[in-house]
Amino acid sequence: VELEAPKTKLLVGKLKELGLDNVLIVVEAFDEKLFLAARNLPGVDVLAAASLDPLSLARHDKVLATVGALKLLEERLA
């Protein structure tokens, strides 16, 4: 999930394309643009893979993760 600018409107458009509203976005490293765009959206949170916890997963209906974040989680759980 890459944004050209930290605009909430851009993120809302991308999430609507994917049909997501109550979603946890997991990224491999902190992305300031994505974090700033998501902070005003209720039900949308952004976390780095290293900060992922069960409570964050339970709060959201869906999880959107980058490929890099999934690789970090696989290594962490192996």
N, C-alpha and C. Protein backbone atom coordinates (compact mmCIF):
# COMPACT_ATOMS: atom_id res chain seq x y z
N VAL A 1 0.86 -1.17 0.00
CA VAL A 1 0.00 0.00 0.00
C VAL A 1 0.90 1.22 0.00
N GLU A 2 1.00 1.85 -1.14
CA GLU A 2 1.82 3.05 -1.24
C GLU A 2 0.95 4.23 -1.62
N LEU A 3 1.20 5.34 -0.97
CA LEU A 3 0.46 6.56 -1.24
C LEU A 3 1.44 7.63 -1.73
N GLU A 4 0.98 8.47 -2.68
CA GLU A 4 1.83 9.55 -3.17
C GLU A 4 1.99 10.63 -2.12
N ALA A 5 0.94 10.84 -1.33
CA ALA A 5 0.94 11.87 -0.29
C ALA A 5 0.17 11.34 0.91
N PRO A 6 0.41 11.90 2.10
CA PRO A 6 -0.30 11.44 3.29
C PRO A 6 -1.72 11.98 3.35
N LYS A 7 -2.54 11.59 2.41
CA LYS A 7 -3.92 12.09 2.29
C LYS A 7 -4.90 10.97 2.62
N THR A 8 -5.81 11.26 3.54
CA THR A 8 -6.83 10.30 3.93
C THR A 8 -7.69 9.90 2.74
N LYS A 9 -7.99 10.85 1.88
CA LYS A 9 -8.83 10.60 0.71
C LYS A 9 -8.21 9.53 -0.21
N LEU A 10 -6.90 9.56 -0.38
CA LEU A 10 -6.22 8.56 -1.21
C LEU A 10 -6.35 7.16 -0.60
N LEU A 11 -6.18 7.08 0.71
CA LEU A 11 -6.28 5.79 1.37
C LEU A 11 -7.70 5.26 1.34
N VAL A 12 -8.68 6.13 1.53
CA VAL A 12 -10.09 5.72 1.46
C VAL A 12 -10.39 5.14 0.09
N GLY A 13 -9.89 5.77 -0.96
CA GLY A 13 -10.10 5.26 -2.32
C GLY A 13 -9.51 3.87 -2.52
N LYS A 14 -8.30 3.65 -2.01
CA LYS A 14 -7.67 2.34 -2.15
C LYS A 14 -8.41 1.27 -1.36
N LEU A 15 -8.86 1.63 -0.16
CA LEU A 15 -9.59 0.66 0.66
C LEU A 15 -10.95 0.33 0.06
N LYS A 16 -11.60 1.31 -0.56
CA LYS A 16 -12.88 1.04 -1.22
C LYS A 16 -12.70 0.11 -2.41
N GLU A 17 -11.60 0.29 -3.16
CA GLU A 17 -11.30 -0.60 -4.29
C GLU A 17 -11.20 -2.05 -3.82
N LEU A 18 -10.63 -2.24 -2.64
CA LEU A 18 -10.43 -3.58 -2.09
C LEU A 18 -11.63 -4.06 -1.28
N GLY A 19 -12.60 -3.20 -1.05
CA GLY A 19 -13.78 -3.57 -0.28
C GLY A 19 -13.50 -3.72 1.21
N LEU A 20 -12.59 -2.90 1.75
CA LEU A 20 -12.21 -2.99 3.15
C LEU A 20 -12.66 -1.76 3.91
N ASP A 21 -13.18 -1.96 5.13
CA ASP A 21 -13.52 -0.81 5.95
C ASP A 21 -12.96 -0.93 7.37
N ASN A 22 -13.17 -2.02 8.06
CA ASN A 22 -12.59 -2.23 9.39
C ASN A 22 -11.36 -3.11 9.22
N VAL A 23 -10.21 -2.49 9.02
CA VAL A 23 -9.03 -3.23 8.59
C VAL A 23 -7.78 -2.82 9.37
N LEU A 24 -6.95 -3.80 9.62
CA LEU A 24 -5.62 -3.57 10.19
C LEU A 24 -4.62 -3.72 9.05
N ILE A 25 -3.84 -2.69 8.81
CA ILE A 25 -2.83 -2.72 7.75
C ILE A 25 -1.48 -3.01 8.40
N VAL A 26 -0.85 -4.12 8.02
CA VAL A 26 0.43 -4.53 8.59
C VAL A 26 1.51 -4.29 7.54
N VAL A 27 2.51 -3.51 7.90
CA VAL A 27 3.61 -3.18 7.00
C VAL A 27 4.92 -3.66 7.61
N GLU A 28 5.94 -3.79 6.78
CA GLU A 28 7.22 -4.29 7.30
C GLU A 28 7.96 -3.25 8.14
N ALA A 29 7.81 -1.98 7.81
CA ALA A 29 8.45 -0.90 8.55
C ALA A 29 7.50 0.29 8.60
N PHE A 30 7.69 1.15 9.57
CA PHE A 30 6.83 2.31 9.74
C PHE A 30 6.82 3.16 8.47
N ASP A 31 5.62 3.47 7.98
CA ASP A 31 5.45 4.30 6.79
C ASP A 31 4.67 5.55 7.21
N GLU A 32 5.35 6.68 7.27
CA GLU A 32 4.73 7.90 7.78
C GLU A 32 3.53 8.34 6.96
N LYS A 33 3.63 8.26 5.64
CA LYS A 33 2.51 8.67 4.78
C LYS A 33 1.27 7.83 5.06
N LEU A 34 1.45 6.54 5.16
CA LEU A 34 0.34 5.64 5.41
C LEU A 34 -0.25 5.86 6.81
N PHE A 35 0.60 6.03 7.80
CA PHE A 35 0.14 6.28 9.15
C PHE A 35 -0.66 7.58 9.24
N LEU A 36 -0.16 8.64 8.63
CA LEU A 36 -0.85 9.92 8.67
C LEU A 36 -2.19 9.86 7.94
N ALA A 37 -2.24 9.12 6.85
CA ALA A 37 -3.49 9.00 6.09
C ALA A 37 -4.54 8.19 6.85
N ALA A 38 -4.10 7.21 7.64
CA ALA A 38 -5.03 6.31 8.33
C ALA A 38 -5.46 6.81 9.70
N ARG A 39 -4.77 7.77 10.27
CA ARG A 39 -5.05 8.15 11.66
C ARG A 39 -6.44 8.76 11.86
N ASN A 40 -7.05 9.32 10.85
CA ASN A 40 -8.37 9.92 10.97
C ASN A 40 -9.50 8.98 10.57
N LEU A 41 -9.17 7.77 10.18
CA LEU A 41 -10.19 6.82 9.74
C LEU A 41 -10.58 5.88 10.88
N PRO A 42 -11.85 5.90 11.28
CA PRO A 42 -12.27 4.96 12.33
C PRO A 42 -12.25 3.54 11.80
N GLY A 43 -11.72 2.63 12.59
CA GLY A 43 -11.68 1.22 12.20
C GLY A 43 -10.50 0.85 11.33
N VAL A 44 -9.60 1.80 11.06
CA VAL A 44 -8.42 1.53 10.24
C VAL A 44 -7.18 1.85 11.07
N ASP A 45 -6.30 0.87 11.23
CA ASP A 45 -5.05 1.06 11.96
C ASP A 45 -3.90 0.54 11.13
N VAL A 46 -2.72 1.12 11.36
CA VAL A 46 -1.50 0.71 10.67
C VAL A 46 -0.49 0.30 11.73
N LEU A 47 0.10 -0.89 11.58
CA LEU A 47 1.11 -1.38 12.50
C LEU A 47 2.28 -1.97 11.73
N ALA A 48 3.46 -1.82 12.30
CA ALA A 48 4.63 -2.52 11.76
C ALA A 48 4.54 -3.97 12.20
N ALA A 49 5.07 -4.86 11.42
CA ALA A 49 5.00 -6.30 11.72
C ALA A 49 5.63 -6.61 13.08
N ALA A 50 6.66 -5.89 13.46
CA ALA A 50 7.32 -6.12 14.74
C ALA A 50 6.43 -5.73 15.92
N SER A 51 5.45 -4.87 15.71
CA SER A 51 4.56 -4.40 16.77
C SER A 51 3.23 -5.14 16.81
N LEU A 52 3.04 -6.11 15.96
CA LEU A 52 1.77 -6.82 15.86
C LEU A 52 1.50 -7.62 17.13
N ASP A 53 0.27 -7.54 17.62
CA ASP A 53 -0.12 -8.28 18.82
C ASP A 53 -1.53 -8.85 18.62
N PRO A 54 -1.90 -9.86 19.41
CA PRO A 54 -3.21 -10.50 19.25
C PRO A 54 -4.39 -9.55 19.45
N LEU A 55 -4.28 -8.60 20.36
CA LEU A 55 -5.38 -7.67 20.61
C LEU A 55 -5.67 -6.81 19.38
N SER A 56 -4.63 -6.37 18.70
CA SER A 56 -4.82 -5.58 17.47
C SER A 56 -5.51 -6.42 16.39
N LEU A 57 -5.15 -7.67 16.31
CA LEU A 57 -5.79 -8.56 15.33
C LEU A 57 -7.26 -8.78 15.66
N ALA A 58 -7.58 -8.91 16.93
CA ALA A 58 -8.96 -9.18 17.34
C ALA A 58 -9.88 -7.98 17.14
N ARG A 59 -9.34 -6.78 17.14
CA ARG A 59 -10.16 -5.56 16.99
C ARG A 59 -10.66 -5.33 15.58
N HIS A 60 -10.06 -5.98 14.59
CA HIS A 60 -10.39 -5.70 13.19
C HIS A 60 -10.99 -6.92 12.51
N ASP A 61 -11.88 -6.63 11.56
CA ASP A 61 -12.51 -7.71 10.80
C ASP A 61 -11.56 -8.31 9.78
N LYS A 62 -10.70 -7.49 9.19
CA LYS A 62 -9.79 -7.95 8.13
C LYS A 62 -8.38 -7.44 8.40
N VAL A 63 -7.41 -8.13 7.81
CA VAL A 63 -6.00 -7.74 7.91
C VAL A 63 -5.45 -7.63 6.50
N LEU A 64 -4.82 -6.50 6.21
CA LEU A 64 -4.15 -6.28 4.93
C LEU A 64 -2.66 -6.18 5.24
N ALA A 65 -1.87 -7.10 4.68
CA ALA A 65 -0.44 -7.14 4.99
C ALA A 65 0.38 -7.09 3.71
N THR A 66 1.52 -6.43 3.80
CA THR A 66 2.43 -6.41 2.66
C THR A 66 3.21 -7.73 2.63
N VAL A 67 3.81 -8.02 1.50
CA VAL A 67 4.58 -9.25 1.35
C VAL A 67 5.76 -9.25 2.34
N GLY A 68 6.41 -8.11 2.47
CA GLY A 68 7.54 -8.00 3.40
C GLY A 68 7.11 -8.24 4.84
N ALA A 69 5.94 -7.74 5.21
CA ALA A 69 5.43 -7.95 6.57
C ALA A 69 5.14 -9.43 6.81
N LEU A 70 4.58 -10.10 5.81
CA LEU A 70 4.31 -11.54 5.97
C LEU A 70 5.59 -12.34 6.14
N LYS A 71 6.63 -11.98 5.40
CA LYS A 71 7.92 -12.68 5.55
C LYS A 71 8.48 -12.47 6.95
N LEU A 72 8.38 -11.25 7.48
CA LEU A 72 8.87 -10.99 8.84
C LEU A 72 8.07 -11.78 9.86
N LEU A 73 6.76 -11.88 9.67
CA LEU A 73 5.93 -12.66 10.60
C LEU A 73 6.25 -14.14 10.52
N GLU A 74 6.50 -14.65 9.31
CA GLU A 74 6.87 -16.07 9.16
C GLU A 74 8.17 -16.36 9.90
N GLU A 75 9.16 -15.47 9.77
CA GLU A 75 10.44 -15.65 10.46
C GLU A 75 10.25 -15.61 11.97
N ARG A 76 9.39 -14.69 12.41
CA ARG A 76 9.15 -14.51 13.85
C ARG A 76 8.45 -15.74 14.46
N LEU A 77 7.57 -16.35 13.70
CA LEU A 77 6.80 -17.49 14.22
C LEU A 77 7.48 -18.83 13.97
N ALA A 78 8.54 -18.85 13.18
CA ALA A 78 9.22 -20.12 12.87
C ALA A 78 10.00 -20.65 14.05
